[in-house]
Amino acid sequence: MPSFSGKYYYTVDPKGRIIIPAPFREIISANYGSKLYLANAAFDKCLHVYPLEEWGKLEEKLRTLPKSADAVKYYMRRVIASAVEIELDKQGRILVPAAHREDSGINGDVAIVGQIEKIELWDRKEWDAMFDPSKIDKKTLEEKLEGYGL
């Protein structure tokens, strides 16, 4: 299955629509169809866009987890409760509901980022701030990634 990778910059239009980059649209239309799920991220101030099939895999995994666990309850309330089905329009755009734009701070320039099985939508300033060298503990991150074999 092809995966989403790459980073693109676009702007949210006045109606709350965002163009999905052509490489991502090609993957979606060739492998998934036009139905997608949009949800808040669990911890980051961004939105996740899942093809319907990938969203189904996430739901199946959640069905196996203990619903009484605090972390699972948090995830269900933050992510699953925010999820809405959306669709690519003929111009390759998605409509991001106002509540989702408010939750993520997305209202102008946006970074659209491939994350293998999903796409992340970030406010451009929020995205750029994550890579401020003064906010990154490079040594710790390098050690963790080495531990994962990356």
N, C-alpha and C. Protein backbone atom coordinates (compact mmCIF):
# COMPACT_ATOMS: atom_id res chain seq x y z
N MET A 1 0.85 -1.18 0.00
CA MET A 1 0.00 0.00 0.00
C MET A 1 0.89 1.24 0.00
N PRO A 2 0.68 2.17 -0.91
CA PRO A 2 1.47 3.41 -0.92
C PRO A 2 1.26 4.19 0.37
N SER A 3 2.23 4.98 0.73
CA SER A 3 2.11 5.74 1.97
C SER A 3 2.22 7.24 1.70
N PHE A 4 1.66 8.00 2.63
CA PHE A 4 1.69 9.45 2.54
C PHE A 4 3.02 9.94 3.09
N SER A 5 3.76 10.68 2.27
CA SER A 5 4.99 11.32 2.72
C SER A 5 5.12 12.65 2.00
N GLY A 6 5.85 13.54 2.60
CA GLY A 6 6.04 14.85 2.02
C GLY A 6 5.34 15.92 2.84
N LYS A 7 5.67 17.18 2.51
CA LYS A 7 5.15 18.33 3.22
C LYS A 7 4.79 19.39 2.20
N TYR A 8 3.62 19.98 2.37
CA TYR A 8 3.12 20.98 1.43
C TYR A 8 2.51 22.13 2.21
N TYR A 9 2.58 23.31 1.62
CA TYR A 9 2.00 24.49 2.26
C TYR A 9 0.87 25.04 1.40
N TYR A 10 -0.27 25.26 2.02
CA TYR A 10 -1.43 25.83 1.36
C TYR A 10 -2.09 26.82 2.31
N THR A 11 -3.21 27.37 1.88
CA THR A 11 -3.97 28.31 2.69
C THR A 11 -5.41 27.83 2.77
N VAL A 12 -6.00 27.99 3.93
CA VAL A 12 -7.42 27.67 4.11
C VAL A 12 -8.21 28.77 3.39
N ASP A 13 -9.17 28.38 2.57
CA ASP A 13 -9.97 29.39 1.87
C ASP A 13 -11.04 29.96 2.81
N PRO A 14 -11.72 31.03 2.43
CA PRO A 14 -12.71 31.67 3.31
C PRO A 14 -13.85 30.75 3.76
N LYS A 15 -14.11 29.67 3.01
CA LYS A 15 -15.18 28.74 3.38
C LYS A 15 -14.67 27.59 4.25
N GLY A 16 -13.37 27.60 4.59
CA GLY A 16 -12.82 26.55 5.44
C GLY A 16 -12.33 25.33 4.68
N ARG A 17 -12.10 25.48 3.39
CA ARG A 17 -11.63 24.35 2.58
C ARG A 17 -10.11 24.40 2.43
N ILE A 18 -9.53 23.21 2.35
CA ILE A 18 -8.09 23.07 2.16
C ILE A 18 -7.87 22.14 0.98
N ILE A 19 -6.98 22.53 0.08
CA ILE A 19 -6.60 21.67 -1.04
C ILE A 19 -5.69 20.57 -0.52
N ILE A 20 -6.02 19.34 -0.85
CA ILE A 20 -5.14 18.21 -0.55
C ILE A 20 -4.13 18.12 -1.70
N PRO A 21 -2.84 18.08 -1.41
CA PRO A 21 -1.82 18.05 -2.46
C PRO A 21 -2.04 16.90 -3.45
N ALA A 22 -1.71 17.16 -4.70
CA ALA A 22 -1.92 16.18 -5.78
C ALA A 22 -1.34 14.80 -5.46
N PRO A 23 -0.10 14.69 -4.94
CA PRO A 23 0.41 13.33 -4.64
C PRO A 23 -0.46 12.58 -3.63
N PHE A 24 -1.01 13.28 -2.65
CA PHE A 24 -1.88 12.65 -1.66
C PHE A 24 -3.22 12.28 -2.30
N ARG A 25 -3.74 13.16 -3.13
CA ARG A 25 -5.01 12.88 -3.82
C ARG A 25 -4.88 11.64 -4.69
N GLU A 26 -3.75 11.50 -5.36
CA GLU A 26 -3.54 10.34 -6.22
C GLU A 26 -3.55 9.05 -5.40
N ILE A 27 -2.90 9.06 -4.25
CA ILE A 27 -2.89 7.87 -3.38
C ILE A 27 -4.30 7.57 -2.91
N ILE A 28 -5.01 8.60 -2.49
CA ILE A 28 -6.38 8.41 -1.99
C ILE A 28 -7.28 7.85 -3.08
N SER A 29 -7.28 8.48 -4.25
CA SER A 29 -8.22 8.03 -5.30
C SER A 29 -7.85 6.66 -5.85
N ALA A 30 -6.56 6.34 -5.95
CA ALA A 30 -6.14 5.05 -6.50
C ALA A 30 -6.32 3.89 -5.52
N ASN A 31 -6.31 4.19 -4.21
CA ASN A 31 -6.30 3.12 -3.23
C ASN A 31 -7.46 3.12 -2.24
N TYR A 32 -8.13 4.25 -2.08
CA TYR A 32 -9.10 4.34 -1.01
C TYR A 32 -10.48 4.86 -1.42
N GLY A 33 -10.60 5.64 -2.44
CA GLY A 33 -11.87 6.32 -2.72
C GLY A 33 -11.85 7.68 -2.06
N SER A 34 -12.94 8.44 -2.18
CA SER A 34 -12.92 9.84 -1.76
C SER A 34 -13.35 10.08 -0.32
N LYS A 35 -13.84 9.04 0.36
CA LYS A 35 -14.30 9.22 1.75
C LYS A 35 -13.12 9.19 2.71
N LEU A 36 -13.12 10.15 3.62
CA LEU A 36 -12.04 10.31 4.59
C LEU A 36 -12.63 10.57 5.97
N TYR A 37 -11.79 10.44 6.98
CA TYR A 37 -12.17 10.83 8.34
C TYR A 37 -11.21 11.91 8.80
N LEU A 38 -11.78 12.93 9.44
CA LEU A 38 -11.02 14.04 10.00
C LEU A 38 -11.22 14.02 11.50
N ALA A 39 -10.13 14.13 12.26
CA ALA A 39 -10.24 14.10 13.73
C ALA A 39 -9.12 14.92 14.34
N ASN A 40 -9.36 15.38 15.57
CA ASN A 40 -8.31 16.03 16.34
C ASN A 40 -7.22 15.02 16.63
N ALA A 41 -5.98 15.50 16.73
CA ALA A 41 -4.90 14.65 17.21
C ALA A 41 -5.08 14.49 18.72
N ALA A 42 -4.54 13.42 19.27
CA ALA A 42 -4.69 13.16 20.70
C ALA A 42 -3.98 14.21 21.54
N PHE A 43 -2.76 14.57 21.17
CA PHE A 43 -1.97 15.46 22.01
C PHE A 43 -1.46 16.70 21.29
N ASP A 44 -1.18 16.60 20.01
CA ASP A 44 -0.67 17.74 19.25
C ASP A 44 -1.82 18.65 18.83
N LYS A 45 -1.48 19.89 18.57
CA LYS A 45 -2.48 20.86 18.13
C LYS A 45 -2.54 20.81 16.60
N CYS A 46 -3.06 19.69 16.09
CA CYS A 46 -3.21 19.50 14.66
C CYS A 46 -4.40 18.60 14.41
N LEU A 47 -4.70 18.39 13.13
CA LEU A 47 -5.79 17.50 12.73
C LEU A 47 -5.22 16.33 11.94
N HIS A 48 -5.89 15.19 12.04
CA HIS A 48 -5.51 14.01 11.27
C HIS A 48 -6.59 13.72 10.24
N VAL A 49 -6.14 13.38 9.05
CA VAL A 49 -7.03 12.96 7.97
C VAL A 49 -6.67 11.52 7.63
N TYR A 50 -7.65 10.64 7.79
CA TYR A 50 -7.46 9.22 7.51
C TYR A 50 -8.32 8.79 6.33
N PRO A 51 -7.76 8.00 5.41
CA PRO A 51 -8.64 7.31 4.46
C PRO A 51 -9.56 6.38 5.25
N LEU A 52 -10.74 6.14 4.72
CA LEU A 52 -11.75 5.34 5.41
C LEU A 52 -11.19 3.99 5.89
N GLU A 53 -10.43 3.32 5.05
CA GLU A 53 -9.87 2.01 5.41
C GLU A 53 -8.91 2.11 6.60
N GLU A 54 -8.08 3.14 6.61
CA GLU A 54 -7.12 3.32 7.72
C GLU A 54 -7.85 3.69 9.01
N TRP A 55 -8.92 4.48 8.88
CA TRP A 55 -9.73 4.82 10.06
C TRP A 55 -10.35 3.54 10.64
N GLY A 56 -10.81 2.66 9.77
CA GLY A 56 -11.38 1.39 10.21
C GLY A 56 -10.38 0.57 11.01
N LYS A 57 -9.12 0.56 10.58
CA LYS A 57 -8.07 -0.17 11.31
C LYS A 57 -7.88 0.41 12.71
N LEU A 58 -7.91 1.74 12.79
CA LEU A 58 -7.79 2.39 14.10
C LEU A 58 -8.95 2.02 15.00
N GLU A 59 -10.17 2.04 14.46
CA GLU A 59 -11.35 1.67 15.25
C GLU A 59 -11.25 0.23 15.75
N GLU A 60 -10.81 -0.67 14.88
CA GLU A 60 -10.68 -2.07 15.28
C GLU A 60 -9.69 -2.23 16.43
N LYS A 61 -8.58 -1.52 16.34
CA LYS A 61 -7.60 -1.58 17.42
C LYS A 61 -8.21 -1.06 18.72
N LEU A 62 -8.95 0.05 18.63
CA LEU A 62 -9.57 0.62 19.83
C LEU A 62 -10.59 -0.32 20.46
N ARG A 63 -11.28 -1.11 19.64
CA ARG A 63 -12.28 -2.05 20.16
C ARG A 63 -11.65 -3.10 21.08
N THR A 64 -10.35 -3.35 20.94
CA THR A 64 -9.68 -4.37 21.74
C THR A 64 -9.11 -3.82 23.04
N LEU A 65 -9.12 -2.51 23.20
CA LEU A 65 -8.50 -1.90 24.38
C LEU A 65 -9.50 -1.76 25.53
N PRO A 66 -9.00 -1.75 26.76
CA PRO A 66 -9.90 -1.63 27.92
C PRO A 66 -10.50 -0.22 27.99
N LYS A 67 -11.82 -0.14 27.86
CA LYS A 67 -12.50 1.15 27.83
C LYS A 67 -12.45 1.88 29.17
N SER A 68 -12.11 1.17 30.25
CA SER A 68 -12.03 1.81 31.56
C SER A 68 -10.66 2.44 31.83
N ALA A 69 -9.68 2.16 30.98
CA ALA A 69 -8.34 2.73 31.16
C ALA A 69 -8.39 4.24 30.89
N ASP A 70 -7.78 5.02 31.74
CA ASP A 70 -7.82 6.48 31.60
C ASP A 70 -7.27 6.96 30.25
N ALA A 71 -6.18 6.36 29.80
CA ALA A 71 -5.60 6.78 28.52
C ALA A 71 -6.55 6.49 27.37
N VAL A 72 -7.22 5.36 27.39
CA VAL A 72 -8.17 5.00 26.34
C VAL A 72 -9.37 5.94 26.39
N LYS A 73 -9.87 6.22 27.61
CA LYS A 73 -11.00 7.16 27.74
C LYS A 73 -10.63 8.53 27.19
N TYR A 74 -9.43 8.99 27.52
CA TYR A 74 -8.98 10.28 27.00
C TYR A 74 -8.96 10.26 25.47
N TYR A 75 -8.35 9.22 24.91
CA TYR A 75 -8.23 9.11 23.45
C TYR A 75 -9.61 9.09 22.80
N MET A 76 -10.50 8.31 23.36
CA MET A 76 -11.86 8.21 22.80
C MET A 76 -12.55 9.57 22.84
N ARG A 77 -12.39 10.28 23.94
CA ARG A 77 -13.07 11.57 24.09
C ARG A 77 -12.42 12.66 23.25
N ARG A 78 -11.14 12.62 23.10
CA ARG A 78 -10.44 13.66 22.33
C ARG A 78 -10.48 13.38 20.82
N VAL A 79 -10.18 12.17 20.43
CA VAL A 79 -10.04 11.84 19.01
C VAL A 79 -11.34 11.32 18.42
N ILE A 80 -11.86 10.25 18.95
CA ILE A 80 -13.04 9.61 18.36
C ILE A 80 -14.25 10.55 18.41
N ALA A 81 -14.42 11.26 19.52
CA ALA A 81 -15.56 12.18 19.63
C ALA A 81 -15.47 13.32 18.62
N SER A 82 -14.27 13.65 18.17
CA SER A 82 -14.11 14.75 17.21
C SER A 82 -14.22 14.30 15.76
N ALA A 83 -14.23 13.01 15.53
CA ALA A 83 -14.14 12.48 14.17
C ALA A 83 -15.40 12.77 13.35
N VAL A 84 -15.19 13.20 12.13
CA VAL A 84 -16.27 13.41 11.18
C VAL A 84 -15.86 12.83 9.83
N GLU A 85 -16.85 12.30 9.12
CA GLU A 85 -16.58 11.82 7.77
C GLU A 85 -16.60 13.02 6.84
N ILE A 86 -15.60 13.09 5.98
CA ILE A 86 -15.50 14.16 5.00
C ILE A 86 -15.24 13.53 3.65
N GLU A 87 -15.25 14.34 2.61
CA GLU A 87 -15.03 13.81 1.27
C GLU A 87 -14.23 14.81 0.45
N LEU A 88 -13.37 14.29 -0.38
CA LEU A 88 -12.66 15.14 -1.34
C LEU A 88 -13.68 15.64 -2.36
N ASP A 89 -13.68 16.95 -2.64
CA ASP A 89 -14.57 17.44 -3.69
C ASP A 89 -13.88 17.31 -5.04
N LYS A 90 -14.54 17.73 -6.09
CA LYS A 90 -14.00 17.56 -7.45
C LYS A 90 -12.73 18.38 -7.69
N GLN A 91 -12.53 19.40 -6.88
CA GLN A 91 -11.32 20.22 -7.00
C GLN A 91 -10.19 19.73 -6.08
N GLY A 92 -10.41 18.60 -5.39
CA GLY A 92 -9.38 18.04 -4.53
C GLY A 92 -9.28 18.71 -3.17
N ARG A 93 -10.38 19.31 -2.72
CA ARG A 93 -10.39 20.00 -1.44
C ARG A 93 -11.20 19.22 -0.42
N ILE A 94 -10.91 19.49 0.85
CA ILE A 94 -11.76 19.00 1.93
C ILE A 94 -12.27 20.21 2.69
N LEU A 95 -13.46 20.07 3.24
CA LEU A 95 -14.02 21.12 4.09
C LEU A 95 -13.70 20.77 5.53
N VAL A 96 -13.00 21.68 6.20
CA VAL A 96 -12.65 21.48 7.60
C VAL A 96 -13.66 22.26 8.44
N PRO A 97 -14.49 21.56 9.22
CA PRO A 97 -15.50 22.26 10.01
C PRO A 97 -14.89 23.32 10.93
N ALA A 98 -15.67 24.36 11.21
CA ALA A 98 -15.19 25.47 12.04
C ALA A 98 -14.67 25.00 13.39
N ALA A 99 -15.35 24.06 14.03
CA ALA A 99 -14.90 23.58 15.35
C ALA A 99 -13.51 22.95 15.26
N HIS A 100 -13.24 22.23 14.19
CA HIS A 100 -11.93 21.61 14.01
C HIS A 100 -10.86 22.67 13.74
N ARG A 101 -11.22 23.68 12.95
CA ARG A 101 -10.25 24.76 12.70
C ARG A 101 -9.94 25.49 14.00
N GLU A 102 -10.96 25.69 14.83
CA GLU A 102 -10.75 26.36 16.12
C GLU A 102 -9.88 25.51 17.04
N ASP A 103 -10.17 24.22 17.16
CA ASP A 103 -9.40 23.33 18.04
C ASP A 103 -7.92 23.27 17.65
N SER A 104 -7.65 23.32 16.36
CA SER A 104 -6.28 23.17 15.87
C SER A 104 -5.57 24.49 15.61
N GLY A 105 -6.29 25.60 15.67
CA GLY A 105 -5.69 26.90 15.37
C GLY A 105 -5.44 27.11 13.89
N ILE A 106 -6.05 26.29 13.06
CA ILE A 106 -5.86 26.40 11.61
C ILE A 106 -6.87 27.41 11.06
N ASN A 107 -6.35 28.51 10.52
CA ASN A 107 -7.25 29.49 9.92
C ASN A 107 -6.61 30.30 8.81
N GLY A 108 -5.39 30.04 8.50
CA GLY A 108 -4.69 30.76 7.44
C GLY A 108 -3.79 29.81 6.68
N ASP A 109 -2.49 30.02 6.84
CA ASP A 109 -1.53 29.14 6.19
C ASP A 109 -1.48 27.81 6.93
N VAL A 110 -1.41 26.73 6.16
CA VAL A 110 -1.45 25.40 6.73
C VAL A 110 -0.32 24.55 6.14
N ALA A 111 0.24 23.69 7.00
CA ALA A 111 1.21 22.68 6.55
C ALA A 111 0.45 21.37 6.45
N ILE A 112 0.56 20.70 5.32
CA ILE A 112 -0.10 19.42 5.08
C ILE A 112 1.03 18.39 4.99
N VAL A 113 1.03 17.45 5.94
CA VAL A 113 2.19 16.60 6.15
C VAL A 113 1.81 15.13 6.07
N GLY A 114 2.50 14.38 5.22
CA GLY A 114 2.27 12.95 5.12
C GLY A 114 2.85 12.22 6.31
N GLN A 115 2.09 11.25 6.84
CA GLN A 115 2.52 10.48 8.01
C GLN A 115 2.23 8.99 7.80
N ILE A 116 2.61 8.47 6.67
CA ILE A 116 2.48 7.08 6.25
C ILE A 116 1.02 6.69 6.00
N GLU A 117 0.23 6.43 7.07
CA GLU A 117 -1.16 5.98 6.86
C GLU A 117 -2.17 7.10 7.00
N LYS A 118 -1.71 8.30 7.36
CA LYS A 118 -2.61 9.43 7.54
C LYS A 118 -1.92 10.71 7.11
N ILE A 119 -2.69 11.79 7.08
CA ILE A 119 -2.20 13.12 6.74
C ILE A 119 -2.44 14.00 7.95
N GLU A 120 -1.47 14.84 8.28
CA GLU A 120 -1.66 15.80 9.36
C GLU A 120 -1.84 17.19 8.77
N LEU A 121 -2.72 17.97 9.38
CA LEU A 121 -2.94 19.36 9.02
C LEU A 121 -2.52 20.22 10.20
N TRP A 122 -1.60 21.14 9.97
CA TRP A 122 -1.05 22.00 11.01
C TRP A 122 -1.19 23.47 10.62
N ASP A 123 -1.44 24.32 11.59
CA ASP A 123 -1.24 25.74 11.38
C ASP A 123 0.23 25.92 11.05
N ARG A 124 0.54 26.68 10.02
CA ARG A 124 1.93 26.80 9.55
C ARG A 124 2.86 27.31 10.64
N LYS A 125 2.42 28.29 11.41
CA LYS A 125 3.28 28.82 12.48
C LYS A 125 3.54 27.76 13.56
N GLU A 126 2.52 27.01 13.89
CA GLU A 126 2.66 25.93 14.89
C GLU A 126 3.65 24.88 14.38
N TRP A 127 3.53 24.52 13.10
CA TRP A 127 4.43 23.54 12.48
C TRP A 127 5.87 24.04 12.53
N ASP A 128 6.08 25.28 12.10
CA ASP A 128 7.44 25.83 12.07
C ASP A 128 8.04 25.92 13.47
N ALA A 129 7.21 26.23 14.47
CA ALA A 129 7.70 26.37 15.84
C ALA A 129 8.22 25.05 16.40
N MET A 130 7.68 23.93 15.94
CA MET A 130 8.13 22.63 16.43
C MET A 130 9.59 22.36 16.12
N PHE A 131 10.11 23.00 15.11
CA PHE A 131 11.47 22.73 14.67
C PHE A 131 12.46 23.81 15.07
N ASP A 132 12.05 24.66 16.01
CA ASP A 132 12.93 25.68 16.57
C ASP A 132 14.05 24.94 17.31
N PRO A 133 15.31 25.10 16.87
CA PRO A 133 16.42 24.37 17.48
C PRO A 133 16.53 24.56 19.00
N SER A 134 16.09 25.71 19.50
CA SER A 134 16.20 25.96 20.95
C SER A 134 15.18 25.14 21.74
N LYS A 135 14.19 24.56 21.06
CA LYS A 135 13.14 23.78 21.75
C LYS A 135 13.32 22.27 21.60
N ILE A 136 14.38 21.87 20.91
CA ILE A 136 14.57 20.44 20.63
C ILE A 136 15.79 19.93 21.40
N ASP A 137 15.62 18.84 22.10
CA ASP A 137 16.72 18.15 22.76
C ASP A 137 17.23 17.09 21.77
N LYS A 138 18.09 17.54 20.87
CA LYS A 138 18.55 16.67 19.78
C LYS A 138 19.21 15.40 20.30
N LYS A 139 20.02 15.50 21.33
CA LYS A 139 20.74 14.33 21.83
C LYS A 139 19.76 13.25 22.31
N THR A 140 18.77 13.64 23.08
CA THR A 140 17.78 12.67 23.58
C THR A 140 16.99 12.07 22.43
N LEU A 141 16.58 12.90 21.48
CA LEU A 141 15.83 12.38 20.33
C LEU A 141 16.67 11.41 19.51
N GLU A 142 17.93 11.77 19.28
CA GLU A 142 18.82 10.87 18.53
C GLU A 142 18.96 9.52 19.23
N GLU A 143 19.13 9.55 20.55
CA GLU A 143 19.27 8.30 21.31
C GLU A 143 18.00 7.45 21.21
N LYS A 144 16.86 8.07 21.33
CA LYS A 144 15.59 7.35 21.24
C LYS A 144 15.44 6.71 19.85
N LEU A 145 15.74 7.49 18.80
CA LEU A 145 15.61 6.97 17.44
C LEU A 145 16.60 5.83 17.19
N GLU A 146 17.80 5.95 17.71
CA GLU A 146 18.77 4.86 17.59
C GLU A 146 18.23 3.61 18.26
N GLY A 147 17.58 3.77 19.41
CA GLY A 147 16.98 2.65 20.12
C GLY A 147 15.90 1.96 19.30
N TYR A 148 15.25 2.72 18.43
CA TYR A 148 14.20 2.17 17.55
C TYR A 148 14.80 1.62 16.25
N GLY A 149 16.13 1.78 16.10
CA GLY A 149 16.77 1.31 14.88
C GLY A 149 16.66 2.28 13.71
N LEU A 150 16.42 3.54 13.99
CA LEU A 150 16.32 4.55 12.92
C LEU A 150 17.52 5.47 12.91
